[in-house]
C-alpha cells in the first residue's frame, strides 16, 4: 500500500522498529 502511494508521489513519514543511533535515519 505504501509503495503504491510513494509511486504516486506521496510523501511518507515511516516509523517502525528500534530507533537508530547516530546522525542518519
PDBML (XML) file of the C-alpha atoms, coordinates in Angstrom:
<?xml version="1.0" encoding="UTF-8" ?>
<PDBx:datablock datablockName="MODEL"
   xmlns:PDBx="http://pdbml.pdb.org/schema/pdbx-v50.xsd"
   xmlns:xsi="http://www.w3.org/2001/XMLSchema-instance"
   xsi:schemaLocation="http://pdbml.pdb.org/schema/pdbx-v50.xsd pdbx-v50.xsd">
   <PDBx:atom_siteCategory>
      <PDBx:atom_site id="1">
         <PDBx:B_iso_or_equiv>0.00</PDBx:B_iso_or_equiv>
         <PDBx:Cartn_x>0.000</PDBx:Cartn_x>
         <PDBx:Cartn_y>0.000</PDBx:Cartn_y>
         <PDBx:Cartn_z>0.000</PDBx:Cartn_z>
         <PDBx:auth_asym_id>A</PDBx:auth_asym_id>
         <PDBx:auth_atom_id>CA</PDBx:auth_atom_id>
         <PDBx:auth_comp_id>UNK</PDBx:auth_comp_id>
         <PDBx:auth_seq_id>1</PDBx:auth_seq_id>
         <PDBx:group_PDB>ATOM</PDBx:group_PDB>
         <PDBx:label_alt_id xsi:nil="true" />
         <PDBx:label_asym_id>A</PDBx:label_asym_id>
         <PDBx:label_atom_id>CA</PDBx:label_atom_id>
         <PDBx:label_comp_id>UNK</PDBx:label_comp_id>
         <PDBx:label_entity_id>1</PDBx:label_entity_id>
         <PDBx:label_seq_id>1</PDBx:label_seq_id>
         <PDBx:occupancy>1.00</PDBx:occupancy>
         <PDBx:pdbx_PDB_model_num>1</PDBx:pdbx_PDB_model_num>
         <PDBx:type_symbol>C</PDBx:type_symbol>
      </PDBx:atom_site>
      <PDBx:atom_site id="2">
         <PDBx:B_iso_or_equiv>0.00</PDBx:B_iso_or_equiv>
         <PDBx:Cartn_x>2.718</PDBx:Cartn_x>
         <PDBx:Cartn_y>2.484</PDBx:Cartn_y>
         <PDBx:Cartn_z>0.969</PDBx:Cartn_z>
         <PDBx:auth_asym_id>A</PDBx:auth_asym_id>
         <PDBx:auth_atom_id>CA</PDBx:auth_atom_id>
         <PDBx:auth_comp_id>UNK</PDBx:auth_comp_id>
         <PDBx:auth_seq_id>2</PDBx:auth_seq_id>
         <PDBx:group_PDB>ATOM</PDBx:group_PDB>
         <PDBx:label_alt_id xsi:nil="true" />
         <PDBx:label_asym_id>A</PDBx:label_asym_id>
         <PDBx:label_atom_id>CA</PDBx:label_atom_id>
         <PDBx:label_comp_id>UNK</PDBx:label_comp_id>
         <PDBx:label_entity_id>1</PDBx:label_entity_id>
         <PDBx:label_seq_id>2</PDBx:label_seq_id>
         <PDBx:occupancy>1.00</PDBx:occupancy>
         <PDBx:pdbx_PDB_model_num>1</PDBx:pdbx_PDB_model_num>
         <PDBx:type_symbol>C</PDBx:type_symbol>
      </PDBx:atom_site>
      <PDBx:atom_site id="3">
         <PDBx:B_iso_or_equiv>0.00</PDBx:B_iso_or_equiv>
         <PDBx:Cartn_x>4.868</PDBx:Cartn_x>
         <PDBx:Cartn_y>1.619</PDBx:Cartn_y>
         <PDBx:Cartn_z>-2.049</PDBx:Cartn_z>
         <PDBx:auth_asym_id>A</PDBx:auth_asym_id>
         <PDBx:auth_atom_id>CA</PDBx:auth_atom_id>
         <PDBx:auth_comp_id>UNK</PDBx:auth_comp_id>
         <PDBx:auth_seq_id>3</PDBx:auth_seq_id>
         <PDBx:group_PDB>ATOM</PDBx:group_PDB>
         <PDBx:label_alt_id xsi:nil="true" />
         <PDBx:label_asym_id>A</PDBx:label_asym_id>
         <PDBx:label_atom_id>CA</PDBx:label_atom_id>
         <PDBx:label_comp_id>UNK</PDBx:label_comp_id>
         <PDBx:label_entity_id>1</PDBx:label_entity_id>
         <PDBx:label_seq_id>3</PDBx:label_seq_id>
         <PDBx:occupancy>1.00</PDBx:occupancy>
         <PDBx:pdbx_PDB_model_num>1</PDBx:pdbx_PDB_model_num>
         <PDBx:type_symbol>C</PDBx:type_symbol>
      </PDBx:atom_site>
      <PDBx:atom_site id="4">
         <PDBx:B_iso_or_equiv>0.00</PDBx:B_iso_or_equiv>
         <PDBx:Cartn_x>1.890</PDBx:Cartn_x>
         <PDBx:Cartn_y>2.460</PDBx:Cartn_y>
         <PDBx:Cartn_z>-4.273</PDBx:Cartn_z>
         <PDBx:auth_asym_id>A</PDBx:auth_asym_id>
         <PDBx:auth_atom_id>CA</PDBx:auth_atom_id>
         <PDBx:auth_comp_id>UNK</PDBx:auth_comp_id>
         <PDBx:auth_seq_id>4</PDBx:auth_seq_id>
         <PDBx:group_PDB>ATOM</PDBx:group_PDB>
         <PDBx:label_alt_id xsi:nil="true" />
         <PDBx:label_asym_id>A</PDBx:label_asym_id>
         <PDBx:label_atom_id>CA</PDBx:label_atom_id>
         <PDBx:label_comp_id>UNK</PDBx:label_comp_id>
         <PDBx:label_entity_id>1</PDBx:label_entity_id>
         <PDBx:label_seq_id>4</PDBx:label_seq_id>
         <PDBx:occupancy>1.00</PDBx:occupancy>
         <PDBx:pdbx_PDB_model_num>1</PDBx:pdbx_PDB_model_num>
         <PDBx:type_symbol>C</PDBx:type_symbol>
      </PDBx:atom_site>
      <PDBx:atom_site id="5">
         <PDBx:B_iso_or_equiv>0.00</PDBx:B_iso_or_equiv>
         <PDBx:Cartn_x>1.391</PDBx:Cartn_x>
         <PDBx:Cartn_y>5.809</PDBx:Cartn_y>
         <PDBx:Cartn_z>-2.534</PDBx:Cartn_z>
         <PDBx:auth_asym_id>A</PDBx:auth_asym_id>
         <PDBx:auth_atom_id>CA</PDBx:auth_atom_id>
         <PDBx:auth_comp_id>UNK</PDBx:auth_comp_id>
         <PDBx:auth_seq_id>5</PDBx:auth_seq_id>
         <PDBx:group_PDB>ATOM</PDBx:group_PDB>
         <PDBx:label_alt_id xsi:nil="true" />
         <PDBx:label_asym_id>A</PDBx:label_asym_id>
         <PDBx:label_atom_id>CA</PDBx:label_atom_id>
         <PDBx:label_comp_id>UNK</PDBx:label_comp_id>
         <PDBx:label_entity_id>1</PDBx:label_entity_id>
         <PDBx:label_seq_id>5</PDBx:label_seq_id>
         <PDBx:occupancy>1.00</PDBx:occupancy>
         <PDBx:pdbx_PDB_model_num>1</PDBx:pdbx_PDB_model_num>
         <PDBx:type_symbol>C</PDBx:type_symbol>
      </PDBx:atom_site>
      <PDBx:atom_site id="6">
         <PDBx:B_iso_or_equiv>0.00</PDBx:B_iso_or_equiv>
         <PDBx:Cartn_x>5.085</PDBx:Cartn_x>
         <PDBx:Cartn_y>6.632</PDBx:Cartn_y>
         <PDBx:Cartn_z>-2.890</PDBx:Cartn_z>
         <PDBx:auth_asym_id>A</PDBx:auth_asym_id>
         <PDBx:auth_atom_id>CA</PDBx:auth_atom_id>
         <PDBx:auth_comp_id>UNK</PDBx:auth_comp_id>
         <PDBx:auth_seq_id>6</PDBx:auth_seq_id>
         <PDBx:group_PDB>ATOM</PDBx:group_PDB>
         <PDBx:label_alt_id xsi:nil="true" />
         <PDBx:label_asym_id>A</PDBx:label_asym_id>
         <PDBx:label_atom_id>CA</PDBx:label_atom_id>
         <PDBx:label_comp_id>UNK</PDBx:label_comp_id>
         <PDBx:label_entity_id>1</PDBx:label_entity_id>
         <PDBx:label_seq_id>6</PDBx:label_seq_id>
         <PDBx:occupancy>1.00</PDBx:occupancy>
         <PDBx:pdbx_PDB_model_num>1</PDBx:pdbx_PDB_model_num>
         <PDBx:type_symbol>C</PDBx:type_symbol>
      </PDBx:atom_site>
      <PDBx:atom_site id="7">
         <PDBx:B_iso_or_equiv>0.00</PDBx:B_iso_or_equiv>
         <PDBx:Cartn_x>4.996</PDBx:Cartn_x>
         <PDBx:Cartn_y>5.743</PDBx:Cartn_y>
         <PDBx:Cartn_z>-6.583</PDBx:Cartn_z>
         <PDBx:auth_asym_id>A</PDBx:auth_asym_id>
         <PDBx:auth_atom_id>CA</PDBx:auth_atom_id>
         <PDBx:auth_comp_id>UNK</PDBx:auth_comp_id>
         <PDBx:auth_seq_id>7</PDBx:auth_seq_id>
         <PDBx:group_PDB>ATOM</PDBx:group_PDB>
         <PDBx:label_alt_id xsi:nil="true" />
         <PDBx:label_asym_id>A</PDBx:label_asym_id>
         <PDBx:label_atom_id>CA</PDBx:label_atom_id>
         <PDBx:label_comp_id>UNK</PDBx:label_comp_id>
         <PDBx:label_entity_id>1</PDBx:label_entity_id>
         <PDBx:label_seq_id>7</PDBx:label_seq_id>
         <PDBx:occupancy>1.00</PDBx:occupancy>
         <PDBx:pdbx_PDB_model_num>1</PDBx:pdbx_PDB_model_num>
         <PDBx:type_symbol>C</PDBx:type_symbol>
      </PDBx:atom_site>
      <PDBx:atom_site id="8">
         <PDBx:B_iso_or_equiv>0.00</PDBx:B_iso_or_equiv>
         <PDBx:Cartn_x>2.079</PDBx:Cartn_x>
         <PDBx:Cartn_y>8.142</PDBx:Cartn_y>
         <PDBx:Cartn_z>-6.980</PDBx:Cartn_z>
         <PDBx:auth_asym_id>A</PDBx:auth_asym_id>
         <PDBx:auth_atom_id>CA</PDBx:auth_atom_id>
         <PDBx:auth_comp_id>UNK</PDBx:auth_comp_id>
         <PDBx:auth_seq_id>8</PDBx:auth_seq_id>
         <PDBx:group_PDB>ATOM</PDBx:group_PDB>
         <PDBx:label_alt_id xsi:nil="true" />
         <PDBx:label_asym_id>A</PDBx:label_asym_id>
         <PDBx:label_atom_id>CA</PDBx:label_atom_id>
         <PDBx:label_comp_id>UNK</PDBx:label_comp_id>
         <PDBx:label_entity_id>1</PDBx:label_entity_id>
         <PDBx:label_seq_id>8</PDBx:label_seq_id>
         <PDBx:occupancy>1.00</PDBx:occupancy>
         <PDBx:pdbx_PDB_model_num>1</PDBx:pdbx_PDB_model_num>
         <PDBx:type_symbol>C</PDBx:type_symbol>
      </PDBx:atom_site>
      <PDBx:atom_site id="9">
         <PDBx:B_iso_or_equiv>0.00</PDBx:B_iso_or_equiv>
         <PDBx:Cartn_x>4.152</PDBx:Cartn_x>
         <PDBx:Cartn_y>10.960</PDBx:Cartn_y>
         <PDBx:Cartn_z>-5.492</PDBx:Cartn_z>
         <PDBx:auth_asym_id>A</PDBx:auth_asym_id>
         <PDBx:auth_atom_id>CA</PDBx:auth_atom_id>
         <PDBx:auth_comp_id>UNK</PDBx:auth_comp_id>
         <PDBx:auth_seq_id>9</PDBx:auth_seq_id>
         <PDBx:group_PDB>ATOM</PDBx:group_PDB>
         <PDBx:label_alt_id xsi:nil="true" />
         <PDBx:label_asym_id>A</PDBx:label_asym_id>
         <PDBx:label_atom_id>CA</PDBx:label_atom_id>
         <PDBx:label_comp_id>UNK</PDBx:label_comp_id>
         <PDBx:label_entity_id>1</PDBx:label_entity_id>
         <PDBx:label_seq_id>9</PDBx:label_seq_id>
         <PDBx:occupancy>1.00</PDBx:occupancy>
         <PDBx:pdbx_PDB_model_num>1</PDBx:pdbx_PDB_model_num>
         <PDBx:type_symbol>C</PDBx:type_symbol>
      </PDBx:atom_site>
      <PDBx:atom_site id="10">
         <PDBx:B_iso_or_equiv>0.00</PDBx:B_iso_or_equiv>
         <PDBx:Cartn_x>3.068</PDBx:Cartn_x>
         <PDBx:Cartn_y>10.966</PDBx:Cartn_y>
         <PDBx:Cartn_z>-1.853</PDBx:Cartn_z>
         <PDBx:auth_asym_id>A</PDBx:auth_asym_id>
         <PDBx:auth_atom_id>CA</PDBx:auth_atom_id>
         <PDBx:auth_comp_id>UNK</PDBx:auth_comp_id>
         <PDBx:auth_seq_id>10</PDBx:auth_seq_id>
         <PDBx:group_PDB>ATOM</PDBx:group_PDB>
         <PDBx:label_alt_id xsi:nil="true" />
         <PDBx:label_asym_id>A</PDBx:label_asym_id>
         <PDBx:label_atom_id>CA</PDBx:label_atom_id>
         <PDBx:label_comp_id>UNK</PDBx:label_comp_id>
         <PDBx:label_entity_id>1</PDBx:label_entity_id>
         <PDBx:label_seq_id>10</PDBx:label_seq_id>
         <PDBx:occupancy>1.00</PDBx:occupancy>
         <PDBx:pdbx_PDB_model_num>1</PDBx:pdbx_PDB_model_num>
         <PDBx:type_symbol>C</PDBx:type_symbol>
      </PDBx:atom_site>
      <PDBx:atom_site id="11">
         <PDBx:B_iso_or_equiv>0.00</PDBx:B_iso_or_equiv>
         <PDBx:Cartn_x>5.498</PDBx:Cartn_x>
         <PDBx:Cartn_y>11.934</PDBx:Cartn_y>
         <PDBx:Cartn_z>0.909</PDBx:Cartn_z>
         <PDBx:auth_asym_id>A</PDBx:auth_asym_id>
         <PDBx:auth_atom_id>CA</PDBx:auth_atom_id>
         <PDBx:auth_comp_id>UNK</PDBx:auth_comp_id>
         <PDBx:auth_seq_id>11</PDBx:auth_seq_id>
         <PDBx:group_PDB>ATOM</PDBx:group_PDB>
         <PDBx:label_alt_id xsi:nil="true" />
         <PDBx:label_asym_id>A</PDBx:label_asym_id>
         <PDBx:label_atom_id>CA</PDBx:label_atom_id>
         <PDBx:label_comp_id>UNK</PDBx:label_comp_id>
         <PDBx:label_entity_id>1</PDBx:label_entity_id>
         <PDBx:label_seq_id>11</PDBx:label_seq_id>
         <PDBx:occupancy>1.00</PDBx:occupancy>
         <PDBx:pdbx_PDB_model_num>1</PDBx:pdbx_PDB_model_num>
         <PDBx:type_symbol>C</PDBx:type_symbol>
      </PDBx:atom_site>
      <PDBx:atom_site id="12">
         <PDBx:B_iso_or_equiv>0.00</PDBx:B_iso_or_equiv>
         <PDBx:Cartn_x>5.548</PDBx:Cartn_x>
         <PDBx:Cartn_y>9.454</PDBx:Cartn_y>
         <PDBx:Cartn_z>3.786</PDBx:Cartn_z>
         <PDBx:auth_asym_id>A</PDBx:auth_asym_id>
         <PDBx:auth_atom_id>CA</PDBx:auth_atom_id>
         <PDBx:auth_comp_id>UNK</PDBx:auth_comp_id>
         <PDBx:auth_seq_id>12</PDBx:auth_seq_id>
         <PDBx:group_PDB>ATOM</PDBx:group_PDB>
         <PDBx:label_alt_id xsi:nil="true" />
         <PDBx:label_asym_id>A</PDBx:label_asym_id>
         <PDBx:label_atom_id>CA</PDBx:label_atom_id>
         <PDBx:label_comp_id>UNK</PDBx:label_comp_id>
         <PDBx:label_entity_id>1</PDBx:label_entity_id>
         <PDBx:label_seq_id>12</PDBx:label_seq_id>
         <PDBx:occupancy>1.00</PDBx:occupancy>
         <PDBx:pdbx_PDB_model_num>1</PDBx:pdbx_PDB_model_num>
         <PDBx:type_symbol>C</PDBx:type_symbol>
      </PDBx:atom_site>
      <PDBx:atom_site id="13">
         <PDBx:B_iso_or_equiv>0.00</PDBx:B_iso_or_equiv>
         <PDBx:Cartn_x>6.704</PDBx:Cartn_x>
         <PDBx:Cartn_y>9.502</PDBx:Cartn_y>
         <PDBx:Cartn_z>7.394</PDBx:Cartn_z>
         <PDBx:auth_asym_id>A</PDBx:auth_asym_id>
         <PDBx:auth_atom_id>CA</PDBx:auth_atom_id>
         <PDBx:auth_comp_id>UNK</PDBx:auth_comp_id>
         <PDBx:auth_seq_id>13</PDBx:auth_seq_id>
         <PDBx:group_PDB>ATOM</PDBx:group_PDB>
         <PDBx:label_alt_id xsi:nil="true" />
         <PDBx:label_asym_id>A</PDBx:label_asym_id>
         <PDBx:label_atom_id>CA</PDBx:label_atom_id>
         <PDBx:label_comp_id>UNK</PDBx:label_comp_id>
         <PDBx:label_entity_id>1</PDBx:label_entity_id>
         <PDBx:label_seq_id>13</PDBx:label_seq_id>
         <PDBx:occupancy>1.00</PDBx:occupancy>
         <PDBx:pdbx_PDB_model_num>1</PDBx:pdbx_PDB_model_num>
         <PDBx:type_symbol>C</PDBx:type_symbol>
      </PDBx:atom_site>
      <PDBx:atom_site id="14">
         <PDBx:B_iso_or_equiv>0.00</PDBx:B_iso_or_equiv>
         <PDBx:Cartn_x>7.983</PDBx:Cartn_x>
         <PDBx:Cartn_y>5.990</PDBx:Cartn_y>
         <PDBx:Cartn_z>8.201</PDBx:Cartn_z>
         <PDBx:auth_asym_id>A</PDBx:auth_asym_id>
         <PDBx:auth_atom_id>CA</PDBx:auth_atom_id>
         <PDBx:auth_comp_id>UNK</PDBx:auth_comp_id>
         <PDBx:auth_seq_id>14</PDBx:auth_seq_id>
         <PDBx:group_PDB>ATOM</PDBx:group_PDB>
         <PDBx:label_alt_id xsi:nil="true" />
         <PDBx:label_asym_id>A</PDBx:label_asym_id>
         <PDBx:label_atom_id>CA</PDBx:label_atom_id>
         <PDBx:label_comp_id>UNK</PDBx:label_comp_id>
         <PDBx:label_entity_id>1</PDBx:label_entity_id>
         <PDBx:label_seq_id>14</PDBx:label_seq_id>
         <PDBx:occupancy>1.00</PDBx:occupancy>
         <PDBx:pdbx_PDB_model_num>1</PDBx:pdbx_PDB_model_num>
         <PDBx:type_symbol>C</PDBx:type_symbol>
      </PDBx:atom_site>
      <PDBx:atom_site id="15">
         <PDBx:B_iso_or_equiv>0.00</PDBx:B_iso_or_equiv>
         <PDBx:Cartn_x>8.208</PDBx:Cartn_x>
         <PDBx:Cartn_y>4.986</PDBx:Cartn_y>
         <PDBx:Cartn_z>11.878</PDBx:Cartn_z>
         <PDBx:auth_asym_id>A</PDBx:auth_asym_id>
         <PDBx:auth_atom_id>CA</PDBx:auth_atom_id>
         <PDBx:auth_comp_id>UNK</PDBx:auth_comp_id>
         <PDBx:auth_seq_id>15</PDBx:auth_seq_id>
         <PDBx:group_PDB>ATOM</PDBx:group_PDB>
         <PDBx:label_alt_id xsi:nil="true" />
         <PDBx:label_asym_id>A</PDBx:label_asym_id>
         <PDBx:label_atom_id>CA</PDBx:label_atom_id>
         <PDBx:label_comp_id>UNK</PDBx:label_comp_id>
         <PDBx:label_entity_id>1</PDBx:label_entity_id>
         <PDBx:label_seq_id>15</PDBx:label_seq_id>
         <PDBx:occupancy>1.00</PDBx:occupancy>
         <PDBx:pdbx_PDB_model_num>1</PDBx:pdbx_PDB_model_num>
         <PDBx:type_symbol>C</PDBx:type_symbol>
      </PDBx:atom_site>
      <PDBx:atom_site id="16">
         <PDBx:B_iso_or_equiv>0.00</PDBx:B_iso_or_equiv>
         <PDBx:Cartn_x>8.989</PDBx:Cartn_x>
         <PDBx:Cartn_y>1.386</PDBx:Cartn_y>
         <PDBx:Cartn_z>12.800</PDBx:Cartn_z>
         <PDBx:auth_asym_id>A</PDBx:auth_asym_id>
         <PDBx:auth_atom_id>CA</PDBx:auth_atom_id>
         <PDBx:auth_comp_id>UNK</PDBx:auth_comp_id>
         <PDBx:auth_seq_id>16</PDBx:auth_seq_id>
         <PDBx:group_PDB>ATOM</PDBx:group_PDB>
         <PDBx:label_alt_id xsi:nil="true" />
         <PDBx:label_asym_id>A</PDBx:label_asym_id>
         <PDBx:label_atom_id>CA</PDBx:label_atom_id>
         <PDBx:label_comp_id>UNK</PDBx:label_comp_id>
         <PDBx:label_entity_id>1</PDBx:label_entity_id>
         <PDBx:label_seq_id>16</PDBx:label_seq_id>
         <PDBx:occupancy>1.00</PDBx:occupancy>
         <PDBx:pdbx_PDB_model_num>1</PDBx:pdbx_PDB_model_num>
         <PDBx:type_symbol>C</PDBx:type_symbol>
      </PDBx:atom_site>
      <PDBx:atom_site id="17">
         <PDBx:B_iso_or_equiv>0.00</PDBx:B_iso_or_equiv>
         <PDBx:Cartn_x>11.250</PDBx:Cartn_x>
         <PDBx:Cartn_y>-0.809</PDBx:Cartn_y>
         <PDBx:Cartn_z>14.920</PDBx:Cartn_z>
         <PDBx:auth_asym_id>A</PDBx:auth_asym_id>
         <PDBx:auth_atom_id>CA</PDBx:auth_atom_id>
         <PDBx:auth_comp_id>UNK</PDBx:auth_comp_id>
         <PDBx:auth_seq_id>17</PDBx:auth_seq_id>
         <PDBx:group_PDB>ATOM</PDBx:group_PDB>
         <PDBx:label_alt_id xsi:nil="true" />
         <PDBx:label_asym_id>A</PDBx:label_asym_id>
         <PDBx:label_atom_id>CA</PDBx:label_atom_id>
         <PDBx:label_comp_id>UNK</PDBx:label_comp_id>
         <PDBx:label_entity_id>1</PDBx:label_entity_id>
         <PDBx:label_seq_id>17</PDBx:label_seq_id>
         <PDBx:occupancy>1.00</PDBx:occupancy>
         <PDBx:pdbx_PDB_model_num>1</PDBx:pdbx_PDB_model_num>
         <PDBx:type_symbol>C</PDBx:type_symbol>
      </PDBx:atom_site>
      <PDBx:atom_site id="18">
         <PDBx:B_iso_or_equiv>0.00</PDBx:B_iso_or_equiv>
         <PDBx:Cartn_x>14.053</PDBx:Cartn_x>
         <PDBx:Cartn_y>0.395</PDBx:Cartn_y>
         <PDBx:Cartn_z>17.162</PDBx:Cartn_z>
         <PDBx:auth_asym_id>A</PDBx:auth_asym_id>
         <PDBx:auth_atom_id>CA</PDBx:auth_atom_id>
         <PDBx:auth_comp_id>UNK</PDBx:auth_comp_id>
         <PDBx:auth_seq_id>18</PDBx:auth_seq_id>
         <PDBx:group_PDB>ATOM</PDBx:group_PDB>
         <PDBx:label_alt_id xsi:nil="true" />
         <PDBx:label_asym_id>A</PDBx:label_asym_id>
         <PDBx:label_atom_id>CA</PDBx:label_atom_id>
         <PDBx:label_comp_id>UNK</PDBx:label_comp_id>
         <PDBx:label_entity_id>1</PDBx:label_entity_id>
         <PDBx:label_seq_id>18</PDBx:label_seq_id>
         <PDBx:occupancy>1.00</PDBx:occupancy>
         <PDBx:pdbx_PDB_model_num>1</PDBx:pdbx_PDB_model_num>
         <PDBx:type_symbol>C</PDBx:type_symbol>
      </PDBx:atom_site>
      <PDBx:atom_site id="19">
         <PDBx:B_iso_or_equiv>0.00</PDBx:B_iso_or_equiv>
         <PDBx:Cartn_x>15.345</PDBx:Cartn_x>
         <PDBx:Cartn_y>3.956</PDBx:Cartn_y>
         <PDBx:Cartn_z>16.950</PDBx:Cartn_z>
         <PDBx:auth_asym_id>A</PDBx:auth_asym_id>
         <PDBx:auth_atom_id>CA</PDBx:auth_atom_id>
         <PDBx:auth_comp_id>UNK</PDBx:auth_comp_id>
         <PDBx:auth_seq_id>19</PDBx:auth_seq_id>
         <PDBx:group_PDB>ATOM</PDBx:group_PDB>
         <PDBx:label_alt_id xsi:nil="true" />
         <PDBx:label_asym_id>A</PDBx:label_asym_id>
         <PDBx:label_atom_id>CA</PDBx:label_atom_id>
         <PDBx:label_comp_id>UNK</PDBx:label_comp_id>
         <PDBx:label_entity_id>1</PDBx:label_entity_id>
         <PDBx:label_seq_id>19</PDBx:label_seq_id>
         <PDBx:occupancy>1.00</PDBx:occupancy>
         <PDBx:pdbx_PDB_model_num>1</PDBx:pdbx_PDB_model_num>
         <PDBx:type_symbol>C</PDBx:type_symbol>
      </PDBx:atom_site>
      <PDBx:atom_site id="20">
         <PDBx:B_iso_or_equiv>0.00</PDBx:B_iso_or_equiv>
         <PDBx:Cartn_x>18.624</PDBx:Cartn_x>
         <PDBx:Cartn_y>4.409</PDBx:Cartn_y>
         <PDBx:Cartn_z>15.097</PDBx:Cartn_z>
         <PDBx:auth_asym_id>A</PDBx:auth_asym_id>
         <PDBx:auth_atom_id>CA</PDBx:auth_atom_id>
         <PDBx:auth_comp_id>UNK</PDBx:auth_comp_id>
         <PDBx:auth_seq_id>20</PDBx:auth_seq_id>
         <PDBx:group_PDB>ATOM</PDBx:group_PDB>
         <PDBx:label_alt_id xsi:nil="true" />
         <PDBx:label_asym_id>A</PDBx:label_asym_id>
         <PDBx:label_atom_id>CA</PDBx:label_atom_id>
         <PDBx:label_comp_id>UNK</PDBx:label_comp_id>
         <PDBx:label_entity_id>1</PDBx:label_entity_id>
         <PDBx:label_seq_id>20</PDBx:label_seq_id>
         <PDBx:occupancy>1.00</PDBx:occupancy>
         <PDBx:pdbx_PDB_model_num>1</PDBx:pdbx_PDB_model_num>
         <PDBx:type_symbol>C</PDBx:type_symbol>
      </PDBx:atom_site>
      <PDBx:atom_site id="21">
         <PDBx:B_iso_or_equiv>0.00</PDBx:B_iso_or_equiv>
         <PDBx:Cartn_x>21.683</PDBx:Cartn_x>
         <PDBx:Cartn_y>5.765</PDBx:Cartn_y>
         <PDBx:Cartn_z>16.869</PDBx:Cartn_z>
         <PDBx:auth_asym_id>A</PDBx:auth_asym_id>
         <PDBx:auth_atom_id>CA</PDBx:auth_atom_id>
         <PDBx:auth_comp_id>UNK</PDBx:auth_comp_id>
         <PDBx:auth_seq_id>21</PDBx:auth_seq_id>
         <PDBx:group_PDB>ATOM</PDBx:group_PDB>
         <PDBx:label_alt_id xsi:nil="true" />
         <PDBx:label_asym_id>A</PDBx:label_asym_id>
         <PDBx:label_atom_id>CA</PDBx:label_atom_id>
         <PDBx:label_comp_id>UNK</PDBx:label_comp_id>
         <PDBx:label_entity_id>1</PDBx:label_entity_id>
         <PDBx:label_seq_id>21</PDBx:label_seq_id>
         <PDBx:occupancy>1.00</PDBx:occupancy>
         <PDBx:pdbx_PDB_model_num>1</PDBx:pdbx_PDB_model_num>
         <PDBx:type_symbol>C</PDBx:type_symbol>
      </PDBx:atom_site>
      <PDBx:atom_site id="22">
         <PDBx:B_iso_or_equiv>0.00</PDBx:B_iso_or_equiv>
         <PDBx:Cartn_x>23.836</PDBx:Cartn_x>
         <PDBx:Cartn_y>8.289</PDBx:Cartn_y>
         <PDBx:Cartn_z>15.036</PDBx:Cartn_z>
         <PDBx:auth_asym_id>A</PDBx:auth_asym_id>
         <PDBx:auth_atom_id>CA</PDBx:auth_atom_id>
         <PDBx:auth_comp_id>UNK</PDBx:auth_comp_id>
         <PDBx:auth_seq_id>22</PDBx:auth_seq_id>
         <PDBx:group_PDB>ATOM</PDBx:group_PDB>
         <PDBx:label_alt_id xsi:nil="true" />
         <PDBx:label_asym_id>A</PDBx:label_asym_id>
         <PDBx:label_atom_id>CA</PDBx:label_atom_id>
         <PDBx:label_comp_id>UNK</PDBx:label_comp_id>
         <PDBx:label_entity_id>1</PDBx:label_entity_id>
         <PDBx:label_seq_id>22</PDBx:label_seq_id>
         <PDBx:occupancy>1.00</PDBx:occupancy>
         <PDBx:pdbx_PDB_model_num>1</PDBx:pdbx_PDB_model_num>
         <PDBx:type_symbol>C</PDBx:type_symbol>
      </PDBx:atom_site>
      <PDBx:atom_site id="23">
         <PDBx:B_iso_or_equiv>0.00</PDBx:B_iso_or_equiv>
         <PDBx:Cartn_x>23.117</PDBx:Cartn_x>
         <PDBx:Cartn_y>11.156</PDBx:Cartn_y>
         <PDBx:Cartn_z>12.659</PDBx:Cartn_z>
         <PDBx:auth_asym_id>A</PDBx:auth_asym_id>
         <PDBx:auth_atom_id>CA</PDBx:auth_atom_id>
         <PDBx:auth_comp_id>UNK</PDBx:auth_comp_id>
         <PDBx:auth_seq_id>23</PDBx:auth_seq_id>
         <PDBx:group_PDB>ATOM</PDBx:group_PDB>
         <PDBx:label_alt_id xsi:nil="true" />
         <PDBx:label_asym_id>A</PDBx:label_asym_id>
         <PDBx:label_atom_id>CA</PDBx:label_atom_id>
         <PDBx:label_comp_id>UNK</PDBx:label_comp_id>
         <PDBx:label_entity_id>1</PDBx:label_entity_id>
         <PDBx:label_seq_id>23</PDBx:label_seq_id>
         <PDBx:occupancy>1.00</PDBx:occupancy>
         <PDBx:pdbx_PDB_model_num>1</PDBx:pdbx_PDB_model_num>
         <PDBx:type_symbol>C</PDBx:type_symbol>
      </PDBx:atom_site>
      <PDBx:atom_site id="24">
         <PDBx:B_iso_or_equiv>0.00</PDBx:B_iso_or_equiv>
         <PDBx:Cartn_x>21.466</PDBx:Cartn_x>
         <PDBx:Cartn_y>9.132</PDBx:Cartn_y>
         <PDBx:Cartn_z>9.877</PDBx:Cartn_z>
         <PDBx:auth_asym_id>A</PDBx:auth_asym_id>
         <PDBx:auth_atom_id>CA</PDBx:auth_atom_id>
         <PDBx:auth_comp_id>UNK</PDBx:auth_comp_id>
         <PDBx:auth_seq_id>24</PDBx:auth_seq_id>
         <PDBx:group_PDB>ATOM</PDBx:group_PDB>
         <PDBx:label_alt_id xsi:nil="true" />
         <PDBx:label_asym_id>A</PDBx:label_asym_id>
         <PDBx:label_atom_id>CA</PDBx:label_atom_id>
         <PDBx:label_comp_id>UNK</PDBx:label_comp_id>
         <PDBx:label_entity_id>1</PDBx:label_entity_id>
         <PDBx:label_seq_id>24</PDBx:label_seq_id>
         <PDBx:occupancy>1.00</PDBx:occupancy>
         <PDBx:pdbx_PDB_model_num>1</PDBx:pdbx_PDB_model_num>
         <PDBx:type_symbol>C</PDBx:type_symbol>
      </PDBx:atom_site>
      <PDBx:atom_site id="25">
         <PDBx:B_iso_or_equiv>0.00</PDBx:B_iso_or_equiv>
         <PDBx:Cartn_x>17.938</PDBx:Cartn_x>
         <PDBx:Cartn_y>7.779</PDBx:Cartn_y>
         <PDBx:Cartn_z>9.691</PDBx:Cartn_z>
         <PDBx:auth_asym_id>A</PDBx:auth_asym_id>
         <PDBx:auth_atom_id>CA</PDBx:auth_atom_id>
         <PDBx:auth_comp_id>UNK</PDBx:auth_comp_id>
         <PDBx:auth_seq_id>25</PDBx:auth_seq_id>
         <PDBx:group_PDB>ATOM</PDBx:group_PDB>
         <PDBx:label_alt_id xsi:nil="true" />
         <PDBx:label_asym_id>A</PDBx:label_asym_id>
         <PDBx:label_atom_id>CA</PDBx:label_atom_id>
         <PDBx:label_comp_id>UNK</PDBx:label_comp_id>
         <PDBx:label_entity_id>1</PDBx:label_entity_id>
         <PDBx:label_seq_id>25</PDBx:label_seq_id>
         <PDBx:occupancy>1.00</PDBx:occupancy>
         <PDBx:pdbx_PDB_model_num>1</PDBx:pdbx_PDB_model_num>
         <PDBx:type_symbol>C</PDBx:type_symbol>
      </PDBx:atom_site>
   </PDBx:atom_siteCategory>
</PDBx:datablock>
